[in-house]
Amino acid sequence: QFRTANKRVLDRLGELEAQIAGAGSASPLAIVAAEDVRATWQ
């Protein structure tokens, strides 16, 4: 039971770390490349 629970926690941790790493790599100004800036802003 511990191994099963620990695997789920570690898998989720990996997902969150990947999200954090991805969020830090994108420039906030990438919106200017959007075809419709106003719609993207929304």
PDB file of all heavy atoms in Angstrom:
ATOM      1  N   GLN A   1       0.839  -1.205   0.000  1.00  0.00           N
ATOM      2  CA  GLN A   1       0.000   0.000   0.000  1.00  0.00           C
ATOM      3  C   GLN A   1       0.871   1.251   0.000  1.00  0.00           C
ATOM      4  O   GLN A   1       0.583   2.226  -0.694  1.00  0.00           O
ATOM      5  CB  GLN A   1      -0.921   0.004   1.222  1.00  0.00           C
ATOM      6  CG  GLN A   1      -2.047  -1.002   1.156  1.00  0.00           C
ATOM      7  CD  GLN A   1      -2.802  -1.095   2.471  1.00  0.00           C
ATOM      8  OE1 GLN A   1      -2.228  -0.964   3.556  1.00  0.00           O
ATOM      9  NE2 GLN A   1      -4.109  -1.337   2.377  1.00  0.00           N
ATOM     10  N   PHE A   2       1.941   1.207   0.790  1.00  0.00           N
ATOM     11  CA  PHE A   2       2.851   2.357   0.827  1.00  0.00           C
ATOM     12  C   PHE A   2       3.503   2.575  -0.532  1.00  0.00           C
ATOM     13  O   PHE A   2       3.573   3.698  -1.018  1.00  0.00           O
ATOM     14  CB  PHE A   2       3.931   2.157   1.897  1.00  0.00           C
ATOM     15  CG  PHE A   2       4.964   3.239   1.876  1.00  0.00           C
ATOM     16  CD1 PHE A   2       4.705   4.476   2.441  1.00  0.00           C
ATOM     17  CD2 PHE A   2       6.192   3.040   1.248  1.00  0.00           C
ATOM     18  CE1 PHE A   2       5.643   5.496   2.392  1.00  0.00           C
ATOM     19  CE2 PHE A   2       7.132   4.048   1.196  1.00  0.00           C
ATOM     20  CZ  PHE A   2       6.858   5.272   1.773  1.00  0.00           C
ATOM     21  N   ARG A   3       3.966   1.505  -1.153  1.00  0.00           N
ATOM     22  CA  ARG A   3       4.608   1.631  -2.464  1.00  0.00           C
ATOM     23  C   ARG A   3       3.637   2.200  -3.495  1.00  0.00           C
ATOM     24  O   ARG A   3       4.012   3.047  -4.309  1.00  0.00           O
ATOM     25  CB  ARG A   3       5.136   0.284  -2.924  1.00  0.00           C
ATOM     26  CG  ARG A   3       6.380  -0.140  -2.200  1.00  0.00           C
ATOM     27  CD  ARG A   3       6.918  -1.443  -2.747  1.00  0.00           C
ATOM     28  NE  ARG A   3       8.147  -1.802  -2.049  1.00  0.00           N
ATOM     29  CZ  ARG A   3       8.527  -3.027  -1.810  1.00  0.00           C
ATOM     30  NH1 ARG A   3       7.808  -4.044  -2.229  1.00  0.00           N
ATOM     31  NH2 ARG A   3       9.648  -3.264  -1.174  1.00  0.00           N
ATOM     32  N   THR A   4       2.389   1.751  -3.469  1.00  0.00           N
ATOM     33  CA  THR A   4       1.384   2.237  -4.411  1.00  0.00           C
ATOM     34  C   THR A   4       1.121   3.724  -4.189  1.00  0.00           C
ATOM     35  O   THR A   4       1.108   4.521  -5.136  1.00  0.00           O
ATOM     36  CB  THR A   4       0.077   1.439  -4.276  1.00  0.00           C
ATOM     37  OG1 THR A   4       0.359   0.057  -4.521  1.00  0.00           O
ATOM     38  CG2 THR A   4      -0.985   1.937  -5.239  1.00  0.00           C
ATOM     39  N   ALA A   5       0.910   4.108  -2.927  1.00  0.00           N
ATOM     40  CA  ALA A   5       0.647   5.511  -2.598  1.00  0.00           C
ATOM     41  C   ALA A   5       1.858   6.370  -2.931  1.00  0.00           C
ATOM     42  O   ALA A   5       1.725   7.472  -3.482  1.00  0.00           O
ATOM     43  CB  ALA A   5       0.279   5.640  -1.129  1.00  0.00           C
ATOM     44  N   ASN A   6       3.042   5.879  -2.620  1.00  0.00           N
ATOM     45  CA  ASN A   6       4.265   6.632  -2.878  1.00  0.00           C
ATOM     46  C   ASN A   6       4.466   6.841  -4.380  1.00  0.00           C
ATOM     47  O   ASN A   6       4.874   7.917  -4.815  1.00  0.00           O
ATOM     48  CB  ASN A   6       5.458   5.893  -2.271  1.00  0.00           C
ATOM     49  CG  ASN A   6       6.686   6.763  -2.207  1.00  0.00           C
ATOM     50  OD1 ASN A   6       6.612   7.923  -1.829  1.00  0.00           O
ATOM     51  ND2 ASN A   6       7.830   6.199  -2.583  1.00  0.00           N
ATOM     52  N   LYS A   7       4.162   5.825  -5.181  1.00  0.00           N
ATOM     53  CA  LYS A   7       4.291   5.956  -6.631  1.00  0.00           C
ATOM     54  C   LYS A   7       3.353   7.026  -7.157  1.00  0.00           C
ATOM     55  O   LYS A   7       3.735   7.850  -7.990  1.00  0.00           O
ATOM     56  CB  LYS A   7       4.014   4.625  -7.327  1.00  0.00           C
ATOM     57  CG  LYS A   7       4.186   4.707  -8.838  1.00  0.00           C
ATOM     58  CD  LYS A   7       3.859   3.417  -9.512  1.00  0.00           C
ATOM     59  CE  LYS A   7       4.007   3.453 -11.011  1.00  0.00           C
ATOM     60  NZ  LYS A   7       3.757   4.681 -11.689  1.00  0.00           N
ATOM     61  N   ARG A   8       2.112   7.052  -6.659  1.00  0.00           N
ATOM     62  CA  ARG A   8       1.154   8.078  -7.103  1.00  0.00           C
ATOM     63  C   ARG A   8       1.648   9.474  -6.739  1.00  0.00           C
ATOM     64  O   ARG A   8       1.571  10.404  -7.552  1.00  0.00           O
ATOM     65  CB  ARG A   8      -0.222   7.842  -6.472  1.00  0.00           C
ATOM     66  CG  ARG A   8      -1.052   6.819  -7.186  1.00  0.00           C
ATOM     67  CD  ARG A   8      -2.489   6.890  -6.739  1.00  0.00           C
ATOM     68  NE  ARG A   8      -2.592   6.700  -5.298  1.00  0.00           N
ATOM     69  CZ  ARG A   8      -3.269   5.731  -4.702  1.00  0.00           C
ATOM     70  NH1 ARG A   8      -3.938   4.868  -5.410  1.00  0.00           N
ATOM     71  NH2 ARG A   8      -3.300   5.644  -3.397  1.00  0.00           N
ATOM     72  N   VAL A   9       2.153   9.623  -5.542  1.00  0.00           N
ATOM     73  CA  VAL A   9       2.655  10.931  -5.100  1.00  0.00           C
ATOM     74  C   VAL A   9       3.855  11.353  -5.951  1.00  0.00           C
ATOM     75  O   VAL A   9       3.938  12.503  -6.395  1.00  0.00           O
ATOM     76  CB  VAL A   9       3.021  10.898  -3.597  1.00  0.00           C
ATOM     77  CG1 VAL A   9       3.798  12.137  -3.196  1.00  0.00           C
ATOM     78  CG2 VAL A   9       1.772  10.752  -2.752  1.00  0.00           C
ATOM     79  N   LEU A  10       4.776  10.438  -6.198  1.00  0.00           N
ATOM     80  CA  LEU A  10       5.952  10.774  -6.999  1.00  0.00           C
ATOM     81  C   LEU A  10       5.580  11.087  -8.449  1.00  0.00           C
ATOM     82  O   LEU A  10       6.166  11.989  -9.061  1.00  0.00           O
ATOM     83  CB  LEU A  10       6.979   9.644  -6.941  1.00  0.00           C
ATOM     84  CG  LEU A  10       7.663   9.459  -5.577  1.00  0.00           C
ATOM     85  CD1 LEU A  10       8.569   8.236  -5.596  1.00  0.00           C
ATOM     86  CD2 LEU A  10       8.429  10.698  -5.163  1.00  0.00           C
ATOM     87  N   ASP A  11       4.595  10.367  -9.008  1.00  0.00           N
ATOM     88  CA  ASP A  11       4.132  10.662 -10.364  1.00  0.00           C
ATOM     89  C   ASP A  11       3.533  12.060 -10.428  1.00  0.00           C
ATOM     90  O   ASP A  11       3.808  12.837 -11.348  1.00  0.00           O
ATOM     91  CB  ASP A  11       3.095   9.633 -10.825  1.00  0.00           C
ATOM     92  CG  ASP A  11       3.704   8.270 -11.111  1.00  0.00           C
ATOM     93  OD1 ASP A  11       4.942   8.169 -11.197  1.00  0.00           O
ATOM     94  OD2 ASP A  11       2.924   7.296 -11.225  1.00  0.00           O
ATOM     95  N   ARG A  12       2.708  12.393  -9.439  1.00  0.00           N
ATOM     96  CA  ARG A  12       2.077  13.719  -9.406  1.00  0.00           C
ATOM     97  C   ARG A  12       3.130  14.801  -9.230  1.00  0.00           C
ATOM     98  O   ARG A  12       3.070  15.865  -9.845  1.00  0.00           O
ATOM     99  CB  ARG A  12       1.034  13.788  -8.284  1.00  0.00           C
ATOM    100  CG  ARG A  12       0.321  15.101  -8.184  1.00  0.00           C
ATOM    101  CD  ARG A  12      -0.555  15.350  -9.400  1.00  0.00           C
ATOM    102  NE  ARG A  12      -1.272  16.603  -9.228  1.00  0.00           N
ATOM    103  CZ  ARG A  12      -1.424  17.502 -10.162  1.00  0.00           C
ATOM    104  NH1 ARG A  12      -0.968  17.285 -11.372  1.00  0.00           N
ATOM    105  NH2 ARG A  12      -2.064  18.618  -9.914  1.00  0.00           N
ATOM    106  N   LEU A  13       4.106  14.547  -8.386  1.00  0.00           N
ATOM    107  CA  LEU A  13       5.193  15.505  -8.180  1.00  0.00           C
ATOM    108  C   LEU A  13       5.935  15.761  -9.484  1.00  0.00           C
ATOM    109  O   LEU A  13       6.258  16.904  -9.818  1.00  0.00           O
ATOM    110  CB  LEU A  13       6.153  14.990  -7.111  1.00  0.00           C
ATOM    111  CG  LEU A  13       7.359  15.872  -6.792  1.00  0.00           C
ATOM    112  CD1 LEU A  13       6.918  17.234  -6.274  1.00  0.00           C
ATOM    113  CD2 LEU A  13       8.257  15.186  -5.778  1.00  0.00           C
ATOM    114  N   GLY A  14       6.187  14.704 -10.250  1.00  0.00           N
ATOM    115  CA  GLY A  14       6.845  14.858 -11.543  1.00  0.00           C
ATOM    116  C   GLY A  14       6.029  15.711 -12.498  1.00  0.00           C
ATOM    117  O   GLY A  14       6.570  16.557 -13.218  1.00  0.00           O
ATOM    118  N   GLU A  15       4.704  15.506 -12.509  1.00  0.00           N
ATOM    119  CA  GLU A  15       3.821  16.321 -13.361  1.00  0.00           C
ATOM    120  C   GLU A  15       3.897  17.790 -12.970  1.00  0.00           C
ATOM    121  O   GLU A  15       4.001  18.673 -13.830  1.00  0.00           O
ATOM    122  CB  GLU A  15       2.377  15.842 -13.237  1.00  0.00           C
ATOM    123  CG  GLU A  15       2.104  14.483 -13.830  1.00  0.00           C
ATOM    124  CD  GLU A  15       0.708  13.976 -13.477  1.00  0.00           C
ATOM    125  OE1 GLU A  15      -0.116  14.770 -12.961  1.00  0.00           O
ATOM    126  OE2 GLU A  15       0.450  12.791 -13.716  1.00  0.00           O
ATOM    127  N   LEU A  16       3.844  18.060 -11.663  1.00  0.00           N
ATOM    128  CA  LEU A  16       3.883  19.448 -11.194  1.00  0.00           C
ATOM    129  C   LEU A  16       5.223  20.100 -11.489  1.00  0.00           C
ATOM    130  O   LEU A  16       5.284  21.271 -11.874  1.00  0.00           O
ATOM    131  CB  LEU A  16       3.572  19.502  -9.698  1.00  0.00           C
ATOM    132  CG  LEU A  16       2.150  19.117  -9.318  1.00  0.00           C
ATOM    133  CD1 LEU A  16       1.999  19.047  -7.805  1.00  0.00           C
ATOM    134  CD2 LEU A  16       1.143  20.084  -9.914  1.00  0.00           C
ATOM    135  N   GLU A  17       6.302  19.365 -11.315  1.00  0.00           N
ATOM    136  CA  GLU A  17       7.625  19.913 -11.624  1.00  0.00           C
ATOM    137  C   GLU A  17       7.742  20.244 -13.105  1.00  0.00           C
ATOM    138  O   GLU A  17       8.332  21.258 -13.480  1.00  0.00           O
ATOM    139  CB  GLU A  17       8.717  18.939 -11.195  1.00  0.00           C
ATOM    140  CG  GLU A  17       8.903  18.873  -9.689  1.00  0.00           C
ATOM    141  CD  GLU A  17       9.894  17.813  -9.246  1.00  0.00           C
ATOM    142  OE1 GLU A  17      10.166  16.861 -10.025  1.00  0.00           O
ATOM    143  OE2 GLU A  17      10.391  17.921  -8.116  1.00  0.00           O
ATOM    144  N   ALA A  18       7.161  19.405 -13.961  1.00  0.00           N
ATOM    145  CA  ALA A  18       7.191  19.665 -15.400  1.00  0.00           C
ATOM    146  C   ALA A  18       6.389  20.915 -15.739  1.00  0.00           C
ATOM    147  O   ALA A  18       6.798  21.725 -16.580  1.00  0.00           O
ATOM    148  CB  ALA A  18       6.644  18.462 -16.165  1.00  0.00           C
ATOM    149  N   GLN A  19       5.246  21.093 -15.074  1.00  0.00           N
ATOM    150  CA  GLN A  19       4.435  22.295 -15.298  1.00  0.00           C
ATOM    151  C   GLN A  19       5.187  23.545 -14.874  1.00  0.00           C
ATOM    152  O   GLN A  19       5.179  24.556 -15.574  1.00  0.00           O
ATOM    153  CB  GLN A  19       3.114  22.218 -14.522  1.00  0.00           C
ATOM    154  CG  GLN A  19       2.079  21.340 -15.145  1.00  0.00           C
ATOM    155  CD  GLN A  19       0.795  21.327 -14.316  1.00  0.00           C
ATOM    156  OE1 GLN A  19       0.804  21.564 -13.117  1.00  0.00           O
ATOM    157  NE2 GLN A  19      -0.305  21.042 -14.980  1.00  0.00           N
ATOM    158  N   ILE A  20       5.831  23.481 -13.729  1.00  0.00           N
ATOM    159  CA  ILE A  20       6.585  24.634 -13.226  1.00  0.00           C
ATOM    160  C   ILE A  20       7.739  24.963 -14.176  1.00  0.00           C
ATOM    161  O   ILE A  20       7.969  26.124 -14.507  1.00  0.00           O
ATOM    162  CB  ILE A  20       7.093  24.367 -11.795  1.00  0.00           C
ATOM    163  CG1 ILE A  20       5.917  24.355 -10.823  1.00  0.00           C
ATOM    164  CG2 ILE A  20       8.138  25.404 -11.378  1.00  0.00           C
ATOM    165  CD1 ILE A  20       6.263  23.853  -9.437  1.00  0.00           C
ATOM    166  N   ALA A  21       8.439  23.946 -14.632  1.00  0.00           N
ATOM    167  CA  ALA A  21       9.559  24.171 -15.556  1.00  0.00           C
ATOM    168  C   ALA A  21       9.054  24.777 -16.865  1.00  0.00           C
ATOM    169  O   ALA A  21       9.674  25.688 -17.412  1.00  0.00           O
ATOM    170  CB  ALA A  21      10.289  22.862 -15.820  1.00  0.00           C
ATOM    171  N   GLY A  22       7.930  24.302 -17.353  1.00  0.00           N
ATOM    172  CA  GLY A  22       7.365  24.834 -18.590  1.00  0.00           C
ATOM    173  C   GLY A  22       6.887  26.254 -18.442  1.00  0.00           C
ATOM    174  O   GLY A  22       7.023  27.073 -19.349  1.00  0.00           O
ATOM    175  N   ALA A  23       6.331  26.579 -17.283  1.00  0.00           N
ATOM    176  CA  ALA A  23       5.829  27.933 -17.058  1.00  0.00           C
ATOM    177  C   ALA A  23       6.964  28.942 -17.016  1.00  0.00           C
ATOM    178  O   ALA A  23       6.812  30.073 -17.461  1.00  0.00           O
ATOM    179  CB  ALA A  23       5.029  27.986 -15.754  1.00  0.00           C
ATOM    180  N   GLY A  24       8.098  28.533 -16.501  1.00  0.00           N
ATOM    181  CA  GLY A  24       9.223  29.456 -16.403  1.00  0.00           C
ATOM    182  C   GLY A  24       9.944  29.685 -17.717  1.00  0.00           C
ATOM    183  O   GLY A  24      10.656  30.664 -17.869  1.00  0.00           O
ATOM    184  N   SER A  25       9.739  28.811 -18.684  1.00  0.00           N
ATOM    185  CA  SER A  25      10.490  28.937 -19.924  1.00  0.00           C
ATOM    186  C   SER A  25       9.814  29.824 -20.962  1.00  0.00           C
ATOM    187  O   SER A  25      10.450  30.279 -21.892  1.00  0.00           O
ATOM    188  CB  SER A  25      10.730  27.545 -20.521  1.00  0.00           C
ATOM    189  OG  SER A  25       9.502  26.961 -20.901  1.00  0.00           O
ATOM    190  N   ALA A  26       8.518  30.055 -20.816  1.00  0.00           N
ATOM    191  CA  ALA A  26       7.786  30.862 -21.795  1.00  0.00           C
ATOM    192  C   ALA A  26       7.820  32.334 -21.393  1.00  0.00           C
ATOM    193  O   ALA A  26       7.612  32.674 -20.233  1.00  0.00           O
ATOM    194  CB  ALA A  26       6.346  30.380 -21.899  1.00  0.00           C
ATOM    195  N   SER A  27       8.086  33.182 -22.350  1.00  0.00           N
ATOM    196  CA  SER A  27       8.088  34.611 -22.089  1.00  0.00           C
ATOM    197  C   SER A  27       6.658  35.102 -21.942  1.00  0.00           C
ATOM    198  O   SER A  27       5.779  34.713 -22.713  1.00  0.00           O
ATOM    199  CB  SER A  27       8.748  35.354 -23.245  1.00  0.00           C
ATOM    200  OG  SER A  27       8.501  36.736 -23.145  1.00  0.00           O
ATOM    201  N   PRO A  28       6.392  35.987 -20.985  1.00  0.00           N
ATOM    202  CA  PRO A  28       5.042  36.524 -20.859  1.00  0.00           C
ATOM    203  C   PRO A  28       4.645  37.349 -22.072  1.00  0.00           C
ATOM    204  O   PRO A  28       3.470  37.567 -22.329  1.00  0.00           O
ATOM    205  CB  PRO A  28       5.101  37.388 -19.592  1.00  0.00           C
ATOM    206  CG  PRO A  28       6.537  37.641 -19.352  1.00  0.00           C
ATOM    207  CD  PRO A  28       7.283  36.497 -19.967  1.00  0.00           C
ATOM    208  N   LEU A  29       5.630  37.781 -22.851  1.00  0.00           N
ATOM    209  CA  LEU A  29       5.340  38.609 -24.021  1.00  0.00           C
ATOM    210  C   LEU A  29       5.049  37.792 -25.275  1.00  0.00           C
ATOM    211  O   LEU A  29       4.873  38.358 -26.350  1.00  0.00           O
ATOM    212  CB  LEU A  29       6.491  39.584 -24.261  1.00  0.00           C
ATOM    213  CG  LEU A  29       6.761  40.545 -23.102  1.00  0.00           C
ATOM    214  CD1 LEU A  29       7.902  41.472 -23.444  1.00  0.00           C
ATOM    215  CD2 LEU A  29       5.524  41.318 -22.740  1.00  0.00           C
ATOM    216  N   ALA A  30       4.969  36.479 -25.141  1.00  0.00           N
ATOM    217  CA  ALA A  30       4.662  35.627 -26.290  1.00  0.00           C
ATOM    218  C   ALA A  30       3.275  35.932 -26.852  1.00  0.00           C
ATOM    219  O   ALA A  30       2.978  35.580 -27.991  1.00  0.00           O
ATOM    220  CB  ALA A  30       4.758  34.161 -25.888  1.00  0.00           C
ATOM    221  N   ILE A  31       2.454  36.628 -26.091  1.00  0.00           N
ATOM    222  CA  ILE A  31       1.106  36.978 -26.541  1.00  0.00           C
ATOM    223  C   ILE A  31       1.142  37.824 -27.814  1.00  0.00           C
ATOM    224  O   ILE A  31       0.209  37.772 -28.619  1.00  0.00           O
ATOM    225  CB  ILE A  31       0.311  37.692 -25.426  1.00  0.00           C
ATOM    226  CG1 ILE A  31      -1.163  37.832 -25.817  1.00  0.00           C
ATOM    227  CG2 ILE A  31       0.921  39.027 -25.085  1.00  0.00           C
ATOM    228  CD1 ILE A  31      -2.060  38.363 -24.716  1.00  0.00           C
ATOM    229  N   VAL A  32       2.196  38.582 -28.021  1.00  0.00           N
ATOM    230  CA  VAL A  32       2.248  39.451 -29.208  1.00  0.00           C
ATOM    231  C   VAL A  32       2.297  38.647 -30.501  1.00  0.00           C
ATOM    232  O   VAL A  32       1.981  39.168 -31.563  1.00  0.00           O
ATOM    233  CB  VAL A  32       3.430  40.454 -29.159  1.00  0.00           C
ATOM    234  CG1 VAL A  32       3.314  41.382 -27.974  1.00  0.00           C
ATOM    235  CG2 VAL A  32       4.755  39.724 -29.141  1.00  0.00           C
ATOM    236  N   ALA A  33       2.673  37.379 -30.415  1.00  0.00           N
ATOM    237  CA  ALA A  33       2.712  36.526 -31.597  1.00  0.00           C
ATOM    238  C   ALA A  33       1.342  35.913 -31.900  1.00  0.00           C
ATOM    239  O   ALA A  33       1.170  35.298 -32.947  1.00  0.00           O
ATOM    240  CB  ALA A  33       3.737  35.418 -31.406  1.00  0.00           C
ATOM    241  N   ALA A  34       0.384  36.115 -31.003  1.00  0.00           N
ATOM    242  CA  ALA A  34      -0.945  35.535 -31.202  1.00  0.00           C
ATOM    243  C   ALA A  34      -1.634  36.212 -32.389  1.00  0.00           C
ATOM    244  O   ALA A  34      -1.451  37.407 -32.639  1.00  0.00           O
ATOM    245  CB  ALA A  34      -1.790  35.697 -29.949  1.00  0.00           C
ATOM    246  N   GLU A  35      -2.425  35.443 -33.099  1.00  0.00           N
ATOM    247  CA  GLU A  35      -3.155  35.989 -34.245  1.00  0.00           C
ATOM    248  C   GLU A  35      -4.186  37.022 -33.783  1.00  0.00           C
ATOM    249  O   GLU A  35      -4.359  38.059 -34.407  1.00  0.00           O
ATOM    250  CB  GLU A  35      -3.842  34.851 -35.000  1.00  0.00           C
ATOM    251  CG  GLU A  35      -4.361  35.272 -36.351  1.00  0.00           C
ATOM    252  CD  GLU A  35      -4.779  34.072 -37.177  1.00  0.00           C
ATOM    253  OE1 GLU A  35      -3.994  33.123 -37.296  1.00  0.00           O
ATOM    254  OE2 GLU A  35      -5.901  34.123 -37.701  1.00  0.00           O
ATOM    255  N   ASP A  36      -4.862  36.718 -32.680  1.00  0.00           N
ATOM    256  CA  ASP A  36      -5.860  37.635 -32.111  1.00  0.00           C
ATOM    257  C   ASP A  36      -5.478  37.897 -30.659  1.00  0.00           C
ATOM    258  O   ASP A  36      -5.825  37.133 -29.766  1.00  0.00           O
ATOM    259  CB  ASP A  36      -7.256  37.027 -32.212  1.00  0.00           C
ATOM    260  CG  ASP A  36      -8.362  37.981 -31.757  1.00  0.00           C
ATOM    261  OD1 ASP A  36      -8.042  39.059 -31.199  1.00  0.00           O
ATOM    262  OD2 ASP A  36      -9.542  37.648 -31.959  1.00  0.00           O
ATOM    263  N   VAL A  37      -4.728  38.977 -30.434  1.00  0.00           N
ATOM    264  CA  VAL A  37      -4.213  39.289 -29.104  1.00  0.00           C
ATOM    265  C   VAL A  37      -5.348  39.487 -28.108  1.00  0.00           C
ATOM    266  O   VAL A  37      -5.302  38.986 -26.984  1.00  0.00           O
ATOM    267  CB  VAL A  37      -3.286  40.527 -29.141  1.00  0.00           C
ATOM    268  CG1 VAL A  37      -2.858  40.938 -27.740  1.00  0.00           C
ATOM    269  CG2 VAL A  37      -2.069  40.239 -30.012  1.00  0.00           C
ATOM    270  N   ARG A  38      -6.385  40.196 -28.505  1.00  0.00           N
ATOM    271  CA  ARG A  38      -7.509  40.460 -27.603  1.00  0.00           C
ATOM    272  C   ARG A  38      -8.174  39.155 -27.153  1.00  0.00           C
ATOM    273  O   ARG A  38      -8.448  38.963 -25.967  1.00  0.00           O
ATOM    274  CB  ARG A  38      -8.535  41.372 -28.262  1.00  0.00           C
ATOM    275  CG  ARG A  38      -9.653  41.800 -27.330  1.00  0.00           C
ATOM    276  CD  ARG A  38     -10.631  42.732 -28.029  1.00  0.00           C
ATOM    277  NE  ARG A  38      -9.956  43.905 -28.559  1.00  0.00           N
ATOM    278  CZ  ARG A  38     -10.028  45.120 -28.032  1.00  0.00           C
ATOM    279  NH1 ARG A  38     -10.780  45.336 -26.984  1.00  0.00           N
ATOM    280  NH2 ARG A  38      -9.375  46.119 -28.568  1.00  0.00           N
ATOM    281  N   ALA A  39      -8.405  38.246 -28.063  1.00  0.00           N
ATOM    282  CA  ALA A  39      -9.035  36.966 -27.724  1.00  0.00           C
ATOM    283  C   ALA A  39      -8.113  36.137 -26.839  1.00  0.00           C
ATOM    284  O   ALA A  39      -8.563  35.490 -25.885  1.00  0.00           O
ATOM    285  CB  ALA A  39      -9.395  36.200 -28.986  1.00  0.00           C
ATOM    286  N   THR A  40      -6.818  36.175 -27.142  1.00  0.00           N
ATOM    287  CA  THR A  40      -5.858  35.427 -26.334  1.00  0.00           C
ATOM    288  C   THR A  40      -5.803  35.986 -24.919  1.00  0.00           C
ATOM    289  O   THR A  40      -5.761  35.236 -23.949  1.00  0.00           O
ATOM    290  CB  THR A  40      -4.456  35.475 -26.978  1.00  0.00           C
ATOM    291  OG1 THR A  40      -4.549  34.954 -28.301  1.00  0.00           O
ATOM    292  CG2 THR A  40      -3.453  34.671 -26.188  1.00  0.00           C
ATOM    293  N   TRP A  41      -5.817  37.310 -24.792  1.00  0.00           N
ATOM    294  CA  TRP A  41      -5.812  37.955 -23.482  1.00  0.00           C
ATOM    295  C   TRP A  41      -6.983  37.470 -22.629  1.00  0.00           C
ATOM    296  O   TRP A  41      -6.838  37.216 -21.445  1.00  0.00           O
ATOM    297  CB  TRP A  41      -5.860  39.468 -23.651  1.00  0.00           C
ATOM    298  CG  TRP A  41      -5.915  40.239 -22.366  1.00  0.00           C
ATOM    299  CD1 TRP A  41      -7.024  40.715 -21.743  1.00  0.00           C
ATOM    300  CD2 TRP A  41      -4.804  40.624 -21.543  1.00  0.00           C
ATOM    301  NE1 TRP A  41      -6.671  41.380 -20.590  1.00  0.00           N
ATOM    302  CE2 TRP A  41      -5.311  41.332 -20.440  1.00  0.00           C
ATOM    303  CE3 TRP A  41      -3.431  40.429 -21.642  1.00  0.00           C
ATOM    304  CZ2 TRP A  41      -4.502  41.838 -19.442  1.00  0.00           C
ATOM    305  CZ3 TRP A  41      -2.619  40.948 -20.650  1.00  0.00           C
ATOM    306  CH2 TRP A  41      -3.159  41.645 -19.564  1.00  0.00           C
ATOM    307  N   GLN A  42      -8.133  37.326 -23.244  1.00  0.00           N
ATOM    308  CA  GLN A  42      -9.329  36.890 -22.514  1.00  0.00           C
ATOM    309  C   GLN A  42      -9.181  35.481 -21.946  1.00  0.00           C
ATOM    310  O   GLN A  42      -9.822  35.144 -20.956  1.00  0.00           O
ATOM    311  CB  GLN A  42     -10.566  36.955 -23.421  1.00  0.00           C
ATOM    312  CG  GLN A  42     -10.936  38.347 -23.886  1.00  0.00           C
ATOM    313  CD  GLN A  42     -11.238  39.296 -22.736  1.00  0.00           C
ATOM    314  OE1 GLN A  42     -11.886  38.930 -21.769  1.00  0.00           O
ATOM    315  NE2 GLN A  42     -10.737  40.514 -22.837  1.00  0.00           N
TER     316      GLN A  42
END
